[in-house]
Amino acid sequence: MKNFIWIMIFSLFFIVGHSGFTQNADKGNDKKEERKKALQEEKAVQSDAGKVEAKDESAAEQKGNKPDEGKGYGRNKDGKDGKGFGMKRSMEARKRLHQNVMAGEERINAQENRLAALQEKLAKAKANCEQRKRSGQLKGDALKQREEKLKMAEEKIARFEASIIRHIERVDQRKSETAAGVEAE
């Protein structure tokens, strides 16, 4: 009798469990069918679009043009193949670098002219200060203030000269990069 009860309990669990699996299996099948239908609809839409694209491609081929293969690294860009496009870009980069070097040189020339004018102005101010000191027009605090101003002006000119030197070094470095790029080809 106990065995019979145990058999009945297990069979109930089996039936309930099996019916649950079959329901879930049906749900899974429904989802699979829905996915299949969606894929079929997508394929139908794509095939219609493909027909239109095929017509466009055949029209392009009749004109003698190749269809656009997309824009990516090494692909056609503005009617050039990858190598031609790369050469064009490198030439443009060299041209920009050369223009930057030329602009830098012009800036350096302007700064050097300004530096020369400032040094000349400082030399005149020093000479004027010495002359006024000898004549006795500048004495005491006025003389000290004038000399401090001249020292500060000398320091500013020295800093300006150092910045010009740094600028010259950067332009020279760009020149060497430009020359190295030309030699590499």
C-alpha atoms as a PDB file:
ATOM      1  CA  MET A   1       0.000   0.000   0.000  1.00  0.00           C
ATOM      2  CA  LYS A   2       2.786   2.391   0.820  1.00  0.00           C
ATOM      3  CA  ASN A   3       4.438   1.595  -2.460  1.00  0.00           C
ATOM      4  CA  PHE A   4       1.236   2.350  -4.281  1.00  0.00           C
ATOM      5  CA  ILE A   5       0.962   5.767  -2.636  1.00  0.00           C
ATOM      6  CA  TRP A   6       4.553   6.584  -3.492  1.00  0.00           C
ATOM      7  CA  ILE A   7       3.990   5.563  -7.088  1.00  0.00           C
ATOM      8  CA  MET A   8       0.904   7.800  -7.281  1.00  0.00           C
ATOM      9  CA  ILE A   9       2.770  10.782  -5.829  1.00  0.00           C
ATOM     10  CA  PHE A  10       5.653  10.392  -8.240  1.00  0.00           C
ATOM     11  CA  SER A  11       3.325   9.981 -11.179  1.00  0.00           C
ATOM     12  CA  LEU A  12       1.481  13.180 -10.176  1.00  0.00           C
ATOM     13  CA  PHE A  13       4.756  15.083  -9.999  1.00  0.00           C
ATOM     14  CA  PHE A  14       5.761  13.632 -13.320  1.00  0.00           C
ATOM     15  CA  ILE A  15       2.479  14.585 -14.999  1.00  0.00           C
ATOM     16  CA  VAL A  16       2.465  18.106 -13.538  1.00  0.00           C
ATOM     17  CA  GLY A  17       6.121  18.630 -14.366  1.00  0.00           C
ATOM     18  CA  HIS A  18       5.767  17.239 -17.878  1.00  0.00           C
ATOM     19  CA  SER A  19       2.754  19.369 -18.641  1.00  0.00           C
ATOM     20  CA  GLY A  20       4.697  22.448 -17.505  1.00  0.00           C
ATOM     21  CA  PHE A  21       7.562  21.563 -19.838  1.00  0.00           C
ATOM     22  CA  THR A  22       5.275  21.060 -22.788  1.00  0.00           C
ATOM     23  CA  GLN A  23       3.660  24.426 -22.199  1.00  0.00           C
ATOM     24  CA  ASN A  24       7.070  26.098 -22.021  1.00  0.00           C
ATOM     25  CA  ALA A  25       8.144  24.200 -25.104  1.00  0.00           C
ATOM     26  CA  ASP A  26       5.097  25.507 -26.933  1.00  0.00           C
ATOM     27  CA  LYS A  27       5.974  29.036 -25.854  1.00  0.00           C
ATOM     28  CA  GLY A  28       9.503  28.561 -27.169  1.00  0.00           C
ATOM     29  CA  ASN A  29       8.141  27.240 -30.450  1.00  0.00           C
ATOM     30  CA  ASP A  30       5.870  30.267 -30.722  1.00  0.00           C
ATOM     31  CA  LYS A  31       8.835  32.568 -30.216  1.00  0.00           C
ATOM     32  CA  LYS A  32      10.845  30.669 -32.814  1.00  0.00           C
ATOM     33  CA  GLU A  33       8.010  30.939 -35.292  1.00  0.00           C
ATOM     34  CA  GLU A  34       7.687  34.671 -34.629  1.00  0.00           C
ATOM     35  CA  ARG A  35      11.427  35.115 -35.216  1.00  0.00           C
ATOM     36  CA  LYS A  36      11.234  33.146 -38.456  1.00  0.00           C
ATOM     37  CA  LYS A  37       8.373  35.321 -39.685  1.00  0.00           C
ATOM     38  CA  ALA A  38      10.254  38.498 -38.769  1.00  0.00           C
ATOM     39  CA  LEU A  39      13.369  37.258 -40.595  1.00  0.00           C
ATOM     40  CA  GLN A  40      11.337  36.383 -43.662  1.00  0.00           C
ATOM     41  CA  GLU A  41       9.785  39.840 -43.676  1.00  0.00           C
ATOM     42  CA  GLU A  42      13.230  41.449 -43.338  1.00  0.00           C
ATOM     43  CA  LYS A  43      14.554  39.347 -46.207  1.00  0.00           C
ATOM     44  CA  ALA A  44      11.617  40.375 -48.350  1.00  0.00           C
ATOM     45  CA  VAL A  45      12.252  44.064 -47.602  1.00  0.00           C
ATOM     46  CA  GLN A  46      15.978  43.652 -48.235  1.00  0.00           C
ATOM     47  CA  SER A  47      15.427  41.819 -51.494  1.00  0.00           C
ATOM     48  CA  ASP A  48      13.157  44.650 -52.660  1.00  0.00           C
ATOM     49  CA  ALA A  49      15.814  47.169 -51.660  1.00  0.00           C
ATOM     50  CA  GLY A  50      18.453  44.975 -53.299  1.00  0.00           C
ATOM     51  CA  LYS A  51      16.534  45.115 -56.565  1.00  0.00           C
ATOM     52  CA  VAL A  52      16.530  48.909 -56.424  1.00  0.00           C
ATOM     53  CA  GLU A  53      20.250  48.946 -55.576  1.00  0.00           C
ATOM     54  CA  ALA A  54      20.951  46.486 -58.365  1.00  0.00           C
ATOM     55  CA  LYS A  55      19.232  48.816 -60.809  1.00  0.00           C
ATOM     56  CA  ASP A  56      21.337  51.712 -59.527  1.00  0.00           C
ATOM     57  CA  GLU A  57      24.523  49.647 -59.839  1.00  0.00           C
ATOM     58  CA  SER A  58      23.684  48.572 -63.369  1.00  0.00           C
ATOM     59  CA  ALA A  59      23.033  52.224 -64.288  1.00  0.00           C
ATOM     60  CA  ALA A  60      26.407  53.195 -62.812  1.00  0.00           C
ATOM     61  CA  GLU A  61      28.135  50.388 -64.710  1.00  0.00           C
ATOM     62  CA  GLN A  62      26.509  51.515 -67.937  1.00  0.00           C
ATOM     63  CA  LYS A  63      27.984  54.960 -67.372  1.00  0.00           C
ATOM     64  CA  GLY A  64      31.370  53.373 -66.733  1.00  0.00           C
ATOM     65  CA  ASN A  65      31.522  54.215 -63.033  1.00  0.00           C
ATOM     66  CA  LYS A  66      32.199  51.700 -60.338  1.00  0.00           C
ATOM     67  CA  PRO A  67      29.692  51.518 -57.505  1.00  0.00           C
ATOM     68  CA  ASP A  68      30.879  53.111 -54.262  1.00  0.00           C
ATOM     69  CA  GLU A  69      32.541  50.422 -52.197  1.00  0.00           C
ATOM     70  CA  GLY A  70      32.321  52.487 -49.044  1.00  0.00           C
ATOM     71  CA  LYS A  71      34.722  54.785 -47.344  1.00  0.00           C
ATOM     72  CA  GLY A  72      37.232  52.996 -45.221  1.00  0.00           C
ATOM     73  CA  TYR A  73      40.940  52.794 -44.773  1.00  0.00           C
ATOM     74  CA  GLY A  74      42.521  51.986 -48.121  1.00  0.00           C
ATOM     75  CA  ARG A  75      39.272  52.196 -50.088  1.00  0.00           C
ATOM     76  CA  ASN A  76      38.270  54.625 -52.794  1.00  0.00           C
ATOM     77  CA  LYS A  77      38.235  58.207 -51.603  1.00  0.00           C
ATOM     78  CA  ASP A  78      37.216  60.994 -53.943  1.00  0.00           C
ATOM     79  CA  GLY A  79      37.855  58.826 -56.950  1.00  0.00           C
ATOM     80  CA  LYS A  80      41.323  57.734 -55.818  1.00  0.00           C
ATOM     81  CA  ASP A  81      42.509  54.379 -54.642  1.00  0.00           C
ATOM     82  CA  GLY A  82      44.039  53.956 -51.208  1.00  0.00           C
ATOM     83  CA  LYS A  83      47.602  54.638 -52.278  1.00  0.00           C
ATOM     84  CA  GLY A  84      46.695  57.738 -54.275  1.00  0.00           C
ATOM     85  CA  PHE A  85      44.575  59.061 -51.451  1.00  0.00           C
ATOM     86  CA  GLY A  86      47.381  58.473 -48.957  1.00  0.00           C
ATOM     87  CA  MET A  87      49.865  60.252 -51.176  1.00  0.00           C
ATOM     88  CA  LYS A  88      47.477  63.192 -51.521  1.00  0.00           C
ATOM     89  CA  ARG A  89      47.034  63.399 -47.756  1.00  0.00           C
ATOM     90  CA  SER A  90      50.758  63.209 -47.099  1.00  0.00           C
ATOM     91  CA  MET A  91      51.398  65.967 -49.635  1.00  0.00           C
ATOM     92  CA  GLU A  92      48.759  68.143 -47.950  1.00  0.00           C
ATOM     93  CA  ALA A  93      50.342  67.468 -44.554  1.00  0.00           C
ATOM     94  CA  ARG A  94      53.792  68.395 -45.875  1.00  0.00           C
ATOM     95  CA  LYS A  95      52.343  71.536 -47.420  1.00  0.00           C
ATOM     96  CA  ARG A  96      50.729  72.530 -44.098  1.00  0.00           C
ATOM     97  CA  LEU A  97      53.985  71.845 -42.258  1.00  0.00           C
ATOM     98  CA  HIS A  98      55.888  73.956 -44.793  1.00  0.00           C
ATOM     99  CA  GLN A  99      53.353  76.774 -44.394  1.00  0.00           C
ATOM    100  CA  ASN A 100      53.709  76.551 -40.608  1.00  0.00           C
ATOM    101  CA  VAL A 101      57.491  76.768 -40.955  1.00  0.00           C
ATOM    102  CA  MET A 102      57.224  79.782 -43.260  1.00  0.00           C
ATOM    103  CA  ALA A 103      54.772  81.519 -40.893  1.00  0.00           C
ATOM    104  CA  GLY A 104      57.109  80.748 -37.993  1.00  0.00           C
ATOM    105  CA  GLU A 105      60.056  82.247 -39.838  1.00  0.00           C
ATOM    106  CA  GLU A 106      58.057  85.390 -40.592  1.00  0.00           C
ATOM    107  CA  ARG A 107      57.104  85.647 -36.919  1.00  0.00           C
ATOM    108  CA  ILE A 108      60.740  85.194 -35.921  1.00  0.00           C
ATOM    109  CA  ASN A 109      61.824  87.965 -38.282  1.00  0.00           C
ATOM    110  CA  ALA A 110      59.197  90.304 -36.837  1.00  0.00           C
ATOM    111  CA  GLN A 111      60.265  89.427 -33.288  1.00  0.00           C
ATOM    112  CA  GLU A 112      63.938  89.925 -34.107  1.00  0.00           C
ATOM    113  CA  ASN A 113      63.157  93.342 -35.590  1.00  0.00           C
ATOM    114  CA  ARG A 114      61.193  94.238 -32.463  1.00  0.00           C
ATOM    115  CA  LEU A 115      64.052  92.950 -30.271  1.00  0.00           C
ATOM    116  CA  ALA A 116      66.572  95.073 -32.168  1.00  0.00           C
ATOM    117  CA  ALA A 117      64.345  98.141 -31.765  1.00  0.00           C
ATOM    118  CA  LEU A 118      63.927  97.468 -28.030  1.00  0.00           C
ATOM    119  CA  GLN A 119      67.672  96.982 -27.555  1.00  0.00           C
ATOM    120  CA  GLU A 120      68.363 100.209 -29.435  1.00  0.00           C
ATOM    121  CA  LYS A 121      65.784 102.040 -27.297  1.00  0.00           C
ATOM    122  CA  LEU A 122      67.346 100.600 -24.120  1.00  0.00           C
ATOM    123  CA  ALA A 123      70.836 101.646 -25.245  1.00  0.00           C
ATOM    124  CA  LYS A 124      69.581 105.208 -25.856  1.00  0.00           C
ATOM    125  CA  ALA A 125      67.882 105.254 -22.444  1.00  0.00           C
ATOM    126  CA  LYS A 126      71.091 104.072 -20.761  1.00  0.00           C
ATOM    127  CA  ALA A 127      73.149 106.674 -22.606  1.00  0.00           C
ATOM    128  CA  ASN A 128      70.633 109.369 -21.648  1.00  0.00           C
ATOM    129  CA  CYS A 129      70.726 108.233 -18.004  1.00  0.00           C
ATOM    130  CA  GLU A 130      74.550 108.337 -17.964  1.00  0.00           C
ATOM    131  CA  GLN A 131      74.591 111.756 -19.568  1.00  0.00           C
ATOM    132  CA  ARG A 132      72.052 113.133 -17.072  1.00  0.00           C
ATOM    133  CA  LYS A 133      73.994 111.503 -14.223  1.00  0.00           C
ATOM    134  CA  ARG A 134      77.226 113.224 -15.324  1.00  0.00           C
ATOM    135  CA  SER A 135      75.529 116.559 -15.769  1.00  0.00           C
ATOM    136  CA  GLY A 136      74.030 116.293 -12.301  1.00  0.00           C
ATOM    137  CA  GLN A 137      70.369 116.350 -13.382  1.00  0.00           C
ATOM    138  CA  LEU A 138      69.730 112.885 -11.819  1.00  0.00           C
ATOM    139  CA  LYS A 139      70.735 112.377  -8.200  1.00  0.00           C
ATOM    140  CA  GLY A 140      69.737 110.191  -5.274  1.00  0.00           C
ATOM    141  CA  ASP A 141      66.349 108.456  -5.422  1.00  0.00           C
ATOM    142  CA  ALA A 142      65.554 109.599  -8.969  1.00  0.00           C
ATOM    143  CA  LEU A 143      68.809 108.040 -10.181  1.00  0.00           C
ATOM    144  CA  LYS A 144      68.106 104.767  -8.328  1.00  0.00           C
ATOM    145  CA  GLN A 145      64.569 104.570  -9.721  1.00  0.00           C
ATOM    146  CA  ARG A 146      65.841 105.175 -13.257  1.00  0.00           C
ATOM    147  CA  GLU A 147      68.546 102.522 -12.878  1.00  0.00           C
ATOM    148  CA  GLU A 148      65.968  99.990 -11.502  1.00  0.00           C
ATOM    149  CA  LYS A 149      63.681 100.672 -14.461  1.00  0.00           C
ATOM    150  CA  LEU A 150      66.594 100.129 -16.825  1.00  0.00           C
ATOM    151  CA  LYS A 151      67.470  96.809 -15.095  1.00  0.00           C
ATOM    152  CA  MET A 152      63.857  95.647 -15.323  1.00  0.00           C
ATOM    153  CA  ALA A 153      63.808  96.586 -19.009  1.00  0.00           C
ATOM    154  CA  GLU A 154      67.059  94.639 -19.544  1.00  0.00           C
ATOM    155  CA  GLU A 155      65.516  91.564 -17.844  1.00  0.00           C
ATOM    156  CA  LYS A 156      62.374  91.791 -19.975  1.00  0.00           C
ATOM    157  CA  ILE A 157      64.463  92.080 -23.116  1.00  0.00           C
ATOM    158  CA  ALA A 158      66.545  89.070 -22.024  1.00  0.00           C
ATOM    159  CA  ARG A 159      63.353  87.010 -21.478  1.00  0.00           C
ATOM    160  CA  PHE A 160      62.028  88.133 -24.847  1.00  0.00           C
ATOM    161  CA  GLU A 161      65.312  87.124 -26.473  1.00  0.00           C
ATOM    162  CA  ALA A 162      65.140  83.699 -24.787  1.00  0.00           C
ATOM    163  CA  SER A 163      61.594  83.195 -26.082  1.00  0.00           C
ATOM    164  CA  ILE A 164      62.771  84.075 -29.591  1.00  0.00           C
ATOM    165  CA  ILE A 165      65.551  81.499 -29.277  1.00  0.00           C
ATOM    166  CA  ARG A 166      63.034  78.818 -28.202  1.00  0.00           C
ATOM    167  CA  HIS A 167      60.813  79.768 -31.111  1.00  0.00           C
ATOM    168  CA  ILE A 168      63.763  79.487 -33.503  1.00  0.00           C
ATOM    169  CA  GLU A 169      64.566  76.012 -32.139  1.00  0.00           C
ATOM    170  CA  ARG A 170      60.948  74.861 -32.683  1.00  0.00           C
ATOM    171  CA  VAL A 171      60.945  76.196 -36.239  1.00  0.00           C
ATOM    172  CA  ASP A 172      64.286  74.494 -36.924  1.00  0.00           C
ATOM    173  CA  GLN A 173      62.854  71.237 -35.600  1.00  0.00           C
ATOM    174  CA  ARG A 174      59.856  71.590 -37.943  1.00  0.00           C
ATOM    175  CA  LYS A 175      62.236  72.317 -40.810  1.00  0.00           C
ATOM    176  CA  SER A 176      64.152  69.119 -40.077  1.00  0.00           C
ATOM    177  CA  GLU A 177      60.866  67.184 -39.951  1.00  0.00           C
ATOM    178  CA  THR A 178      59.919  68.623 -43.322  1.00  0.00           C
ATOM    179  CA  ALA A 179      63.317  67.734 -44.750  1.00  0.00           C
ATOM    180  CA  ALA A 180      63.118  64.223 -43.296  1.00  0.00           C
ATOM    181  CA  GLY A 181      59.672  63.745 -44.874  1.00  0.00           C
ATOM    182  CA  VAL A 182      60.992  64.779 -48.288  1.00  0.00           C
ATOM    183  CA  GLU A 183      64.076  62.541 -47.971  1.00  0.00           C
ATOM    184  CA  ALA A 184      61.934  59.529 -46.973  1.00  0.00           C
ATOM    185  CA  GLU A 185      60.294  59.532 -50.380  1.00  0.00           C
END
